[in-house]
C-alpha atoms as a PDB file:
ATOM      1  CA  MET A   1       0.130   0.235  -0.058  1.00  0.00           C
ATOM      2  CA  PRO A   2       1.263   3.503  -1.064  1.00  0.00           C
ATOM      3  CA  THR A   3       2.367   5.692   1.772  1.00  0.00           C
ATOM      4  CA  ILE A   4       0.756   9.012   1.883  1.00  0.00           C
ATOM      5  CA  THR A   5       3.265  12.078   2.823  1.00  0.00           C
ATOM      6  CA  ALA A   6       1.823  14.802   4.406  1.00  0.00           C
ATOM      7  CA  ARG A   7       2.873  18.099   3.250  1.00  0.00           C
ATOM      8  CA  PRO A   8       3.814  20.965   5.310  1.00  0.00           C
ATOM      9  CA  PRO A   9       1.144  24.018   5.462  1.00  0.00           C
ATOM     10  CA  LYS A  10       1.644  26.878   3.128  1.00  0.00           C
ATOM     11  CA  SER A  11       1.365  30.340   3.898  1.00  0.00           C
ATOM     12  CA  LYS A  12      -0.736  32.427   1.498  1.00  0.00           C
ATOM     13  CA  ILE A  13       0.601  36.213   0.541  1.00  0.00           C
ATOM     14  CA  THR A  14      -0.161  38.499  -2.133  1.00  0.00           C
ATOM     15  CA  VAL A  15       2.711  40.119  -3.847  1.00  0.00           C
ATOM     16  CA  THR A  16       2.146  42.654  -6.531  1.00  0.00           C
ATOM     17  CA  LEU A  17       4.246  42.807  -9.975  1.00  0.00           C
ATOM     18  CA  THR A  18       4.541  44.781 -12.601  1.00  0.00           C
ATOM     19  CA  PRO A  19       2.601  43.775 -15.840  1.00  0.00           C
ATOM     20  CA  ASP A  20       5.754  43.001 -17.651  1.00  0.00           C
ATOM     21  CA  LEU A  21       7.110  40.587 -15.170  1.00  0.00           C
ATOM     22  CA  VAL A  22       3.787  38.721 -14.676  1.00  0.00           C
ATOM     23  CA  SER A  23       4.062  38.103 -18.601  1.00  0.00           C
ATOM     24  CA  ARG A  24       7.268  36.952 -18.383  1.00  0.00           C
ATOM     25  CA  LEU A  25       6.176  34.526 -15.591  1.00  0.00           C
ATOM     26  CA  ASP A  26       3.256  33.504 -17.959  1.00  0.00           C
ATOM     27  CA  ALA A  27       5.715  32.694 -20.798  1.00  0.00           C
ATOM     28  CA  LEU A  28       7.372  30.436 -18.696  1.00  0.00           C
ATOM     29  CA  LEU A  29       4.448  28.436 -18.090  1.00  0.00           C
ATOM     30  CA  THR A  30       3.711  27.832 -21.107  1.00  0.00           C
ATOM     31  CA  GLY A  31       4.613  23.838 -21.288  1.00  0.00           C
ATOM     32  CA  PRO A  32       2.396  20.868 -20.680  1.00  0.00           C
ATOM     33  CA  ASN A  33       4.578  20.551 -16.930  1.00  0.00           C
ATOM     34  CA  ALA A  34       4.734  24.259 -16.121  1.00  0.00           C
ATOM     35  CA  GLY A  35       3.110  24.467 -12.954  1.00  0.00           C
ATOM     36  CA  SER A  36       1.299  27.196 -11.378  1.00  0.00           C
ATOM     37  CA  ARG A  37       2.622  31.045 -11.336  1.00  0.00           C
ATOM     38  CA  SER A  38       2.803  30.372  -7.079  1.00  0.00           C
ATOM     39  CA  ARG A  39       4.980  27.307  -7.609  1.00  0.00           C
ATOM     40  CA  LEU A  40       6.993  29.016  -9.924  1.00  0.00           C
ATOM     41  CA  VAL A  41       7.675  31.965  -7.711  1.00  0.00           C
ATOM     42  CA  GLU A  42       8.539  29.339  -4.960  1.00  0.00           C
ATOM     43  CA  GLU A  43      11.457  27.567  -7.005  1.00  0.00           C
ATOM     44  CA  ALA A  44      12.730  31.128  -7.883  1.00  0.00           C
ATOM     45  CA  LEU A  45      12.326  32.218  -4.357  1.00  0.00           C
ATOM     46  CA  ARG A  46      13.978  29.029  -2.865  1.00  0.00           C
ATOM     47  CA  GLN A  47      16.713  29.127  -5.481  1.00  0.00           C
ATOM     48  CA  TRP A  48      17.219  33.069  -5.164  1.00  0.00           C
ATOM     49  CA  LEU A  49      17.601  32.548  -1.668  1.00  0.00           C
ATOM     50  CA  CYS A  50      19.684  29.908  -1.809  1.00  0.00           C
ATOM     51  CA  ASP A  51      22.259  32.029  -3.856  1.00  0.00           C
ATOM     52  CA  GLN A  52      22.138  34.887  -1.418  1.00  0.00           C
ATOM     53  CA  THR A  53      23.142  32.033   1.333  1.00  0.00           C
ATOM     54  CA  HIS A  54      26.450  30.832  -1.216  1.00  0.00           C
ATOM     55  CA  HIS A  55      27.146  34.291  -1.538  1.00  0.00           C
ATOM     56  CA  ASP A  56      27.032  35.054   2.073  1.00  0.00           C
ATOM     57  CA  LEU A  57      29.127  32.008   2.871  1.00  0.00           C
ATOM     58  CA  GLU A  58      32.021  33.474   0.143  1.00  0.00           C
ATOM     59  CA  HIS A  59      31.442  36.558   1.875  1.00  0.00           C
ATOM     60  CA  GLN A  60      32.238  35.433   5.480  1.00  0.00           C
ATOM     61  CA  THR A  61      35.079  33.453   3.961  1.00  0.00           C
ATOM     62  CA  GLU A  62      36.636  36.341   2.230  1.00  0.00           C
ATOM     63  CA  GLU A  63      36.510  38.260   5.232  1.00  0.00           C
ATOM     64  CA  TYR A  64      38.149  35.555   7.300  1.00  0.00           C
ATOM     65  CA  TYR A  65      41.039  35.310   5.155  1.00  0.00           C
ATOM     66  CA  ARG A  66      41.816  38.754   4.835  1.00  0.00           C
ATOM     67  CA  SER A  67      41.645  39.161   8.729  1.00  0.00           C
ATOM     68  CA  LEU A  68      44.973  36.747   9.175  1.00  0.00           C
ATOM     69  CA  SER A  69      47.562  38.064  10.056  1.00  0.00           C
ATOM     70  CA  LYS A  70      51.094  37.546   8.131  1.00  0.00           C
ATOM     71  CA  ALA A  71      51.968  34.679  10.380  1.00  0.00           C
ATOM     72  CA  GLU A  72      48.831  33.162  10.449  1.00  0.00           C
ATOM     73  CA  ARG A  73      48.455  33.086   6.385  1.00  0.00           C
ATOM     74  CA  ASP A  74      51.987  31.516   6.613  1.00  0.00           C
ATOM     75  CA  GLU A  75      50.791  28.941   8.818  1.00  0.00           C
ATOM     76  CA  ASP A  76      48.120  28.743   6.741  1.00  0.00           C
ATOM     77  CA  ARG A  77      49.823  28.154   3.620  1.00  0.00           C
ATOM     78  CA  ARG A  78      51.981  25.573   5.349  1.00  0.00           C
ATOM     79  CA  TRP A  79      49.226  23.487   6.505  1.00  0.00           C
ATOM     80  CA  SER A  80      47.826  23.900   2.187  1.00  0.00           C
ATOM     81  CA  GLN A  81      51.066  22.538   1.296  1.00  0.00           C
ATOM     82  CA  VAL A  82      50.894  19.442   3.210  1.00  0.00           C
ATOM     83  CA  ALA A  83      47.711  18.626   2.983  1.00  0.00           C
ATOM     84  CA  ALA A  84      48.362  18.927  -1.170  1.00  0.00           C
ATOM     85  CA  ARG A  85      51.387  16.456  -0.936  1.00  0.00           C
ATOM     86  CA  SER A  86      49.318  13.889   1.321  1.00  0.00           C
ATOM     87  CA  ALA A  87      46.729  14.265  -1.261  1.00  0.00           C
ATOM     88  CA  LYS A  88      48.836  13.615  -3.832  1.00  0.00           C
ATOM     89  CA  ARG A  89      50.234  10.548  -2.220  1.00  0.00           C
ATOM     90  CA  LEU A  90      47.022   8.801  -1.433  1.00  0.00           C
ATOM     91  CA  TRP A  91      45.626   9.534  -5.397  1.00  0.00           C
ATOM     92  CA  ASN A  92      48.815   8.080  -6.443  1.00  0.00           C
ATOM     93  CA  GLN A  93      48.588   4.887  -4.338  1.00  0.00           C
END
């Protein structure tokens, strides 16, 4: 017997868009498996949030490395060299 998985409830919101943006959304929904405007907007927003998280992580990583002292950067470089040599030995086995 198939198992039915309950979907979490969704919140209904209202979004006001310019007519040109609505036309562009509708143009994406012309295929047979297109779905709905709500689904398209939800997927686009989910992707945008994922991209933002990735961008924030890159920014935080960059800030971390910029904050290191010369001694810390030198130590990090040495550890990177050790790791590269170890990886090369493992891959060549």
